[in-house]
Amino acid sequence: MLYLLATIGAVTVAVLLWRAFGSEHVGVGSRRSVAPDDDPEFLRKLGEQARRPRKPGDSDSNE
């Protein structure tokens, strides 16, 4: 029973140390992309397009 508790403790310490120091070197979570609806630049351009008056001959319409 003592060996089981020692093993669980060692694994817990190893995981905590890996999360604290090792994850940056492995690249976990370092390549997050920003979704378009979270990108401030995209939202700014979208707002400008929505405020801009549409001309009758615009090619943006899907009619």
Foldseek 3Di string as FASTA:
>chain_A
DVVVVVVVVVVVVVVVVCVVPPCVVVCVPVDDDDDLVRDPVSVVVVVVVVPDDDDPPDPPDPD
